[in-house]
Every structure is written in structure tokens, then in C-alpha cells.
Amino acid sequence: MHLLKRVLTAVVLIPIVVVLVLRAPIAVVALITALVALLAVQEFLHLAEGYDIRPLRWPTYIFVGLFFLLLAIATGLDTPLLSTAVFIYSVGFAAAIAPFVFLTIAMAQDDLRRAFQPAMVSTFAFVYIALPLGFLVQLRQQWSGAFLLLYLLLVVWAGDIFAYFVGKSLGRHLMSPRVSPKKTWEGALASLLASLVVGMLMYNYALPISSALLQAHLIQPKDGFFALQKPPLWPAFLLSAGINVAAQLGDLVESLIKRGADVKDSGAILPGHGGMLDRIDALLFAAPILWYYAAWRVMQ
């Protein structure tokens, strides 16, 4: 029954996510991403209660919401180089002031010995969840942004699917039993190979895939990959491998947080998958890697 729920949820959500990534205006992408971020932050703050911490809920929600509002406003910048620069300034400023904002709010605590922990949790929630999801929004603004996001999702999803099924059927050697008792090295290797295969297929067929998406009116010309001359193979290979490793580490990190809070899932909003944080944990580490690659490419 659990597997059936997992598959049905994926069958419903994946087409919706793909269409949003490819077709939706960037401002809408920012709005939907903000909603996802707020749901994931809400689950994370609930996990923090398992560590005997009373989180600063509304200040955290407002801070995260304002960050994504700033990103939505900045979507009017059509030049990738300029939008990247504005994003970097915004991220740097938000990350720098977050500890001071939350520590200032925590001064209102009756017991000042318990003021640091809520501020620390709120700051971490912003850096751990909101910032990486913000990278996804800004990545969508880059040239070939829709294609890059599709590439990221397919590489991560392929790795996740093969890790689950291969690990469940063939897994014998546990990867990190204290953190995640069901993850195995066999599943991790299958995940890496699946991501490499999907990544290389996306690389080799980038032009026909982009052309098909354009003909289906799912992307605009600037959102696809239409370069006639392919770049060298090894960067795409290393990028796919790096994204997979980052995704697997993201999954393990969230498992560590849940293990410390003594819960199995971060929530129950997605049948068969758990909470929103359970579903996006791999993207939180993988998104900044692809964003850095895309930003570096724009700077060349």
C-alpha cells in the first residue's frame, strides 16, 4: 500500500512540476517555490521541537516570504548576467542579516539562556531551505534555464528511484545505519549510475529535446538548449556525478535531522513520500551546484 501511494503521488505530481518548470512565468515559479519553501520550513521548525527548542515561527515565515518576494520582483530583469548579480547581492545581504534579525527578536524570550537556540534554528532554516530553493528560481532566469531545471529534476529523480528500488531489492551493505538504516551502498551506486545515464542522455540529446519542447509550446527559445556545437563531454559527466552525490548527501542530512528528532517523516502532506521536506531534501544540496555551473557559464 505504501509503494502504491508513493507511485500514485509521483504520477500526479511529476507532470505538474515539469509543466510549471517549463511553462510558467518566472514570477509564478517564484511564488510556487515560496509556498514549497514555507511548507518545508514549517516542517523543519516542527522537527526542531523534537530537540526541545521553541522556534520563532512567524518571524521565520515572514523572513522567508520577504526573500522570495524580492526574488519575484527581480524577475523583471531579463539579462541573465544582471539577474545573477542582483541575486548574489540579495542572497549575501539576507544571509548576513538573518542571524542579527532572529537574535534581536529572540531578546524577547523570558529565559535568555534559551534565546540563542530559536534564533539559530530560524537562521539555519533560511540557509538550509530557502536559499537553495532561491537558487532554483534564479536558475530559471538563466539562458537555457528551463532545460537546466528539467535536467536537474530528471537527474535527481532518476537517482532517487534507482536508489529506492535497487537498495530495497539488492541492498546488503548499509551506508550509514545510525543515520538512515535502510540506505545501502548498492542503492547509492545504482543511484549514481542512473543519474549519469540520464545526465548523459540529456546532454547528447539536448538539441532535439529542446526542439521538441519548443514545438510543443512548453518553452520559449531562450529557455532551451539550441547550441549547434556541443561543449566537452567531461564537464557534463562531472556535473551529473556531482549533482547525484550532493542529492544523496542532502537526503542523508535530512535523515540525520529527523533521527535526532526521533521521527520517521518530516510531515504527511504527500502520501507515500512523507512531508514536503522529505521530497525536496535532495534538491537542497544539488540546486546550488547546478546554479554555480550556470552562473559560471554566463560569466564566460
Protein backbone atom coordinates (compact mmCIF):
# COMPACT_ATOMS: atom_id res chain seq x y z
CA MET A 1 0.00 0.00 0.00
CA HIS A 2 2.85 2.38 0.85
CA LEU A 3 4.52 1.73 -2.51
CA LEU A 4 1.21 2.25 -4.35
CA LYS A 5 0.68 5.60 -2.61
CA ARG A 6 4.25 6.59 -3.45
CA VAL A 7 3.81 5.78 -7.14
CA LEU A 8 0.39 7.42 -7.45
CA THR A 9 1.64 10.62 -5.79
CA ALA A 10 4.59 10.72 -8.17
CA VAL A 11 2.37 10.10 -11.21
CA VAL A 12 0.17 13.05 -10.25
CA LEU A 13 2.88 15.49 -9.14
CA ILE A 14 5.65 14.95 -11.70
CA PRO A 15 3.72 16.22 -14.76
CA ILE A 16 2.51 19.25 -12.79
CA VAL A 17 6.03 20.09 -11.64
CA VAL A 18 7.50 19.63 -15.13
CA VAL A 19 4.88 21.90 -16.76
CA LEU A 20 5.41 24.56 -14.08
CA VAL A 21 9.18 24.44 -14.55
CA LEU A 22 8.97 24.66 -18.32
CA ARG A 23 5.97 26.86 -18.99
CA ALA A 24 5.14 29.04 -16.00
CA PRO A 25 6.37 32.67 -15.90
CA ILE A 26 9.32 33.16 -13.58
CA ALA A 27 7.21 35.19 -11.13
CA VAL A 28 4.83 32.21 -10.82
CA VAL A 29 7.80 29.87 -10.36
CA ALA A 30 8.98 32.16 -7.53
CA LEU A 31 5.51 32.11 -5.94
CA ILE A 32 5.17 28.31 -6.08
CA THR A 33 8.73 27.87 -4.82
CA ALA A 34 7.97 30.22 -1.94
CA LEU A 35 4.97 28.07 -0.99
CA VAL A 36 7.13 24.94 -1.08
CA ALA A 37 9.79 26.67 0.99
CA LEU A 38 7.28 27.80 3.62
CA LEU A 39 5.81 24.30 3.92
CA ALA A 40 9.28 22.79 4.26
CA VAL A 41 10.30 25.43 6.81
CA GLN A 42 7.15 24.74 8.81
CA GLU A 43 8.06 21.04 8.93
CA PHE A 44 11.65 21.85 9.85
CA LEU A 45 10.57 24.08 12.73
CA HIS A 46 8.32 21.26 13.95
CA LEU A 47 11.35 18.94 13.87
CA ALA A 48 13.22 21.49 15.98
CA GLU A 49 10.66 20.97 18.74
CA GLY A 50 11.97 17.41 18.97
CA TYR A 51 15.24 18.97 20.16
CA ASP A 52 13.38 20.82 22.93
CA ILE A 53 13.58 24.14 21.07
CA ARG A 54 10.70 26.57 20.77
CA PRO A 55 11.19 28.05 17.29
CA LEU A 56 10.41 31.59 16.17
CA ARG A 57 7.70 30.53 13.76
CA TRP A 58 6.14 33.71 12.39
CA PRO A 59 9.37 35.72 12.19
CA THR A 60 10.88 32.85 10.18
CA TYR A 61 7.89 32.62 7.84
CA ILE A 62 7.92 36.39 7.26
CA PHE A 63 11.67 36.49 6.61
CA VAL A 64 11.46 33.63 4.10
CA GLY A 65 8.39 35.14 2.44
CA LEU A 66 10.10 38.53 2.03
CA PHE A 67 13.12 36.84 0.47
CA PHE A 68 11.01 35.18 -2.20
CA LEU A 69 9.04 38.39 -2.71
CA LEU A 70 12.34 40.08 -3.51
CA LEU A 71 13.15 37.30 -5.98
CA ALA A 72 9.74 37.65 -7.63
CA ILE A 73 10.25 41.40 -8.03
CA ALA A 74 13.70 40.84 -9.52
CA THR A 75 12.31 38.53 -12.21
CA GLY A 76 11.76 41.57 -14.42
CA LEU A 77 15.50 41.58 -15.14
CA ASP A 78 15.74 39.69 -18.41
CA THR A 79 19.53 39.85 -18.70
CA PRO A 80 20.99 36.69 -17.09
CA LEU A 81 24.20 38.43 -16.05
CA LEU A 82 22.32 41.27 -14.34
CA SER A 83 19.78 38.95 -12.69
CA THR A 84 22.63 36.78 -11.38
CA ALA A 85 24.40 39.82 -9.92
CA VAL A 86 21.22 41.07 -8.20
CA PHE A 87 20.58 37.56 -6.84
CA ILE A 88 24.11 37.30 -5.41
CA TYR A 89 23.74 40.68 -3.67
CA SER A 90 20.33 39.69 -2.31
CA VAL A 91 21.50 36.30 -1.04
CA GLY A 92 24.60 37.78 0.58
CA PHE A 93 22.61 40.52 2.30
CA ALA A 94 19.84 38.18 3.51
CA ALA A 95 22.30 35.58 4.83
CA ALA A 96 24.34 38.28 6.60
CA ILE A 97 21.41 39.91 8.40
CA ALA A 98 19.45 36.74 9.22
CA PRO A 99 21.34 35.92 12.47
CA PHE A 100 21.02 39.51 13.72
CA VAL A 101 17.30 39.71 12.86
CA PHE A 102 16.45 36.49 14.67
CA LEU A 103 18.74 37.17 17.65
CA THR A 104 17.12 40.59 18.04
CA ILE A 105 13.66 39.01 18.05
CA ALA A 106 14.86 36.32 20.50
CA MET A 107 15.71 39.03 23.04
CA ALA A 108 12.04 38.96 23.98
CA GLN A 109 12.46 35.46 25.46
CA ASP A 110 11.75 35.28 29.19
CA ASP A 111 14.71 32.97 29.71
CA LEU A 112 17.68 34.47 27.84
CA ARG A 113 19.51 31.16 28.14
CA ARG A 114 17.01 29.83 25.62
CA ALA A 115 17.22 32.78 23.23
CA PHE A 116 20.15 31.57 21.11
CA GLN A 117 18.68 28.23 20.06
CA PRO A 118 15.48 29.55 18.40
CA ALA A 119 17.47 32.21 16.55
CA MET A 120 19.96 29.57 15.43
CA VAL A 121 17.16 27.30 14.17
CA SER A 122 15.50 30.13 12.23
CA THR A 123 18.79 31.16 10.63
CA PHE A 124 19.54 27.56 9.70
CA ALA A 125 16.05 27.08 8.27
CA PHE A 126 16.62 30.07 5.99
CA VAL A 127 20.08 28.98 4.84
CA TYR A 128 19.24 25.27 4.60
CA ILE A 129 15.85 25.52 2.85
CA ALA A 130 15.05 28.98 1.49
CA LEU A 131 18.40 29.86 -0.06
CA PRO A 132 18.80 26.64 -2.09
CA LEU A 133 15.23 26.94 -3.37
CA GLY A 134 16.02 30.54 -4.25
CA PHE A 135 18.85 29.18 -6.41
CA LEU A 136 16.23 27.23 -8.36
CA VAL A 137 14.23 30.39 -9.08
CA GLN A 138 17.29 32.28 -10.26
CA LEU A 139 18.47 29.30 -12.29
CA ARG A 140 15.21 29.51 -14.22
CA GLN A 141 16.18 33.06 -15.27
CA GLN A 142 19.42 31.89 -16.91
CA TRP A 143 19.75 31.18 -20.62
CA SER A 144 18.52 27.58 -21.13
CA GLY A 145 17.11 27.85 -17.61
CA ALA A 146 14.06 25.65 -18.20
CA PHE A 147 16.20 22.94 -19.81
CA LEU A 148 18.70 23.10 -16.94
CA LEU A 149 15.95 22.76 -14.34
CA LEU A 150 14.47 19.81 -16.23
CA TYR A 151 17.92 18.26 -16.36
CA LEU A 152 18.35 18.76 -12.60
CA LEU A 153 14.98 17.23 -11.75
CA LEU A 154 15.44 14.20 -14.00
CA VAL A 155 18.97 13.51 -12.75
CA VAL A 156 17.87 13.74 -9.11
CA TRP A 157 14.65 11.78 -9.63
CA ALA A 158 16.43 9.00 -11.55
CA GLY A 159 18.98 8.66 -8.76
CA ASP A 160 16.26 8.62 -6.11
CA ILE A 161 14.15 5.99 -7.90
CA PHE A 162 17.03 3.60 -8.53
CA ALA A 163 18.40 4.05 -5.01
CA TYR A 164 14.99 3.11 -3.60
CA PHE A 165 14.28 0.04 -5.71
CA VAL A 166 17.82 -1.35 -6.01
CA GLY A 167 18.54 -0.70 -2.36
CA LYS A 168 15.31 -2.39 -1.33
CA SER A 169 15.80 -5.48 -3.50
CA LEU A 170 19.58 -5.93 -3.66
CA GLY A 171 20.98 -3.79 -0.85
CA ARG A 172 23.15 -5.69 1.61
CA HIS A 173 25.80 -3.26 2.86
CA LEU A 174 24.43 -0.42 4.99
CA MET A 175 25.77 3.04 4.22
CA SER A 176 25.03 4.83 7.48
CA PRO A 177 22.93 2.66 9.80
CA ARG A 178 22.88 5.21 12.64
CA VAL A 179 21.51 7.96 10.38
CA SER A 180 19.46 6.05 7.81
CA PRO A 181 19.08 2.31 8.50
CA LYS A 182 17.66 1.48 5.04
CA LYS A 183 20.24 3.18 2.81
CA THR A 184 22.80 0.85 1.28
CA TRP A 185 25.95 1.20 -0.79
CA GLU A 186 24.32 -0.87 -3.53
CA GLY A 187 21.46 1.63 -3.71
CA ALA A 188 23.92 4.54 -3.69
CA LEU A 189 25.90 3.07 -6.58
CA ALA A 190 22.71 2.39 -8.56
CA SER A 191 21.65 5.97 -7.88
CA LEU A 192 24.94 7.35 -9.21
CA LEU A 193 24.83 5.20 -12.35
CA ALA A 194 21.20 6.15 -13.06
CA SER A 195 21.97 9.86 -12.70
CA LEU A 196 24.98 9.55 -15.00
CA VAL A 197 22.93 7.76 -17.65
CA VAL A 198 20.11 10.31 -17.53
CA GLY A 199 22.57 13.20 -17.42
CA MET A 200 24.49 11.93 -20.46
CA LEU A 201 21.27 11.29 -22.39
CA MET A 202 20.10 14.84 -21.64
CA TYR A 203 23.49 16.13 -22.77
CA ASN A 204 23.62 14.12 -26.00
CA TYR A 205 20.04 14.90 -26.99
CA ALA A 206 19.80 18.45 -25.63
CA LEU A 207 19.06 19.95 -29.06
CA PRO A 208 16.27 17.55 -30.13
CA ILE A 209 14.75 17.62 -26.63
CA SER A 210 14.72 21.42 -26.64
CA SER A 211 13.31 21.47 -30.18
CA ALA A 212 10.51 19.09 -29.19
CA LEU A 213 9.66 21.18 -26.12
CA LEU A 214 9.64 24.32 -28.26
CA GLN A 215 7.33 22.76 -30.84
CA ALA A 216 5.02 21.65 -28.03
CA HIS A 217 4.93 25.29 -26.83
CA LEU A 218 6.31 24.27 -23.43
CA ILE A 219 9.35 26.55 -23.60
CA GLN A 220 10.49 29.72 -25.30
CA PRO A 221 13.65 29.78 -27.44
CA LYS A 222 15.76 31.33 -24.66
CA ASP A 223 14.73 28.56 -22.25
CA GLY A 224 16.06 25.65 -24.31
CA PHE A 225 19.49 24.43 -25.34
CA PHE A 226 19.97 25.17 -29.02
CA ALA A 227 23.76 25.35 -29.35
CA LEU A 228 24.87 23.59 -32.53
CA GLN A 229 28.32 22.86 -31.15
CA LYS A 230 28.37 20.72 -28.02
CA PRO A 231 30.73 21.60 -25.17
CA PRO A 232 33.24 18.94 -23.99
CA LEU A 233 31.78 15.75 -22.52
CA TRP A 234 33.68 15.66 -19.25
CA PRO A 235 32.03 18.76 -17.63
CA ALA A 236 28.58 17.23 -18.17
CA PHE A 237 29.79 13.92 -16.74
CA LEU A 238 31.31 15.57 -13.66
CA LEU A 239 28.27 17.81 -13.23
CA SER A 240 25.87 14.85 -13.28
CA ALA A 241 28.05 12.95 -10.81
CA GLY A 242 28.35 15.99 -8.53
CA ILE A 243 24.60 16.58 -8.55
CA ASN A 244 23.94 12.95 -7.63
CA VAL A 245 26.45 12.94 -4.77
CA ALA A 246 25.04 16.22 -3.49
CA ALA A 247 21.49 14.85 -3.73
CA GLN A 248 22.40 11.73 -1.76
CA LEU A 249 24.13 13.83 0.90
CA GLY A 250 21.06 16.07 1.07
CA ASP A 251 18.92 13.02 1.74
CA LEU A 252 21.30 11.84 4.48
CA VAL A 253 21.43 15.25 6.14
CA GLU A 254 17.66 15.40 6.41
CA SER A 255 17.65 11.84 7.78
CA LEU A 256 20.12 13.00 10.43
CA ILE A 257 17.81 15.85 11.46
CA LYS A 258 14.80 13.52 11.64
CA ARG A 259 16.78 10.87 13.54
CA GLY A 260 17.76 13.44 16.16
CA ALA A 261 14.11 14.50 16.49
CA ASP A 262 13.07 10.82 16.66
CA VAL A 263 10.58 10.97 13.79
CA LYS A 264 10.28 8.96 10.58
CA ASP A 265 8.93 11.64 8.21
CA SER A 266 9.04 15.42 8.33
CA GLY A 267 5.29 15.52 7.65
CA ALA A 268 2.41 13.76 5.90
CA ILE A 269 1.38 16.19 3.17
CA LEU A 270 2.50 13.86 0.33
CA PRO A 271 1.05 10.32 0.60
CA GLY A 272 3.78 7.70 0.35
CA HIS A 273 6.54 10.31 0.44
CA GLY A 274 6.05 11.96 3.83
CA GLY A 275 6.44 15.70 4.11
CA MET A 276 7.50 18.43 1.72
CA LEU A 277 10.98 18.48 3.24
CA ASP A 278 11.25 14.73 2.63
CA ARG A 279 10.53 15.34 -1.06
CA ILE A 280 12.92 18.24 -1.66
CA ASP A 281 15.81 17.27 0.64
CA ALA A 282 17.97 16.06 -2.26
CA LEU A 283 17.43 19.27 -4.24
CA LEU A 284 18.62 21.44 -1.35
CA PHE A 285 22.24 20.37 -1.89
CA ALA A 286 22.03 19.72 -5.63
CA ALA A 287 20.47 23.03 -6.72
CA PRO A 288 23.38 25.27 -5.65
CA ILE A 289 25.83 23.10 -7.60
CA LEU A 290 23.90 23.44 -10.86
CA TRP A 291 23.31 27.14 -10.20
CA TYR A 292 27.03 27.69 -9.76
CA TYR A 293 27.72 25.91 -13.05
CA ALA A 294 25.09 28.00 -14.86
CA ALA A 295 26.33 31.26 -13.31
CA TRP A 296 29.92 30.41 -14.19
CA ARG A 297 28.84 29.66 -17.76
CA VAL A 298 27.12 33.07 -18.01
CA MET A 299 30.27 34.80 -16.76
CA GLN A 300 32.43 33.26 -19.51
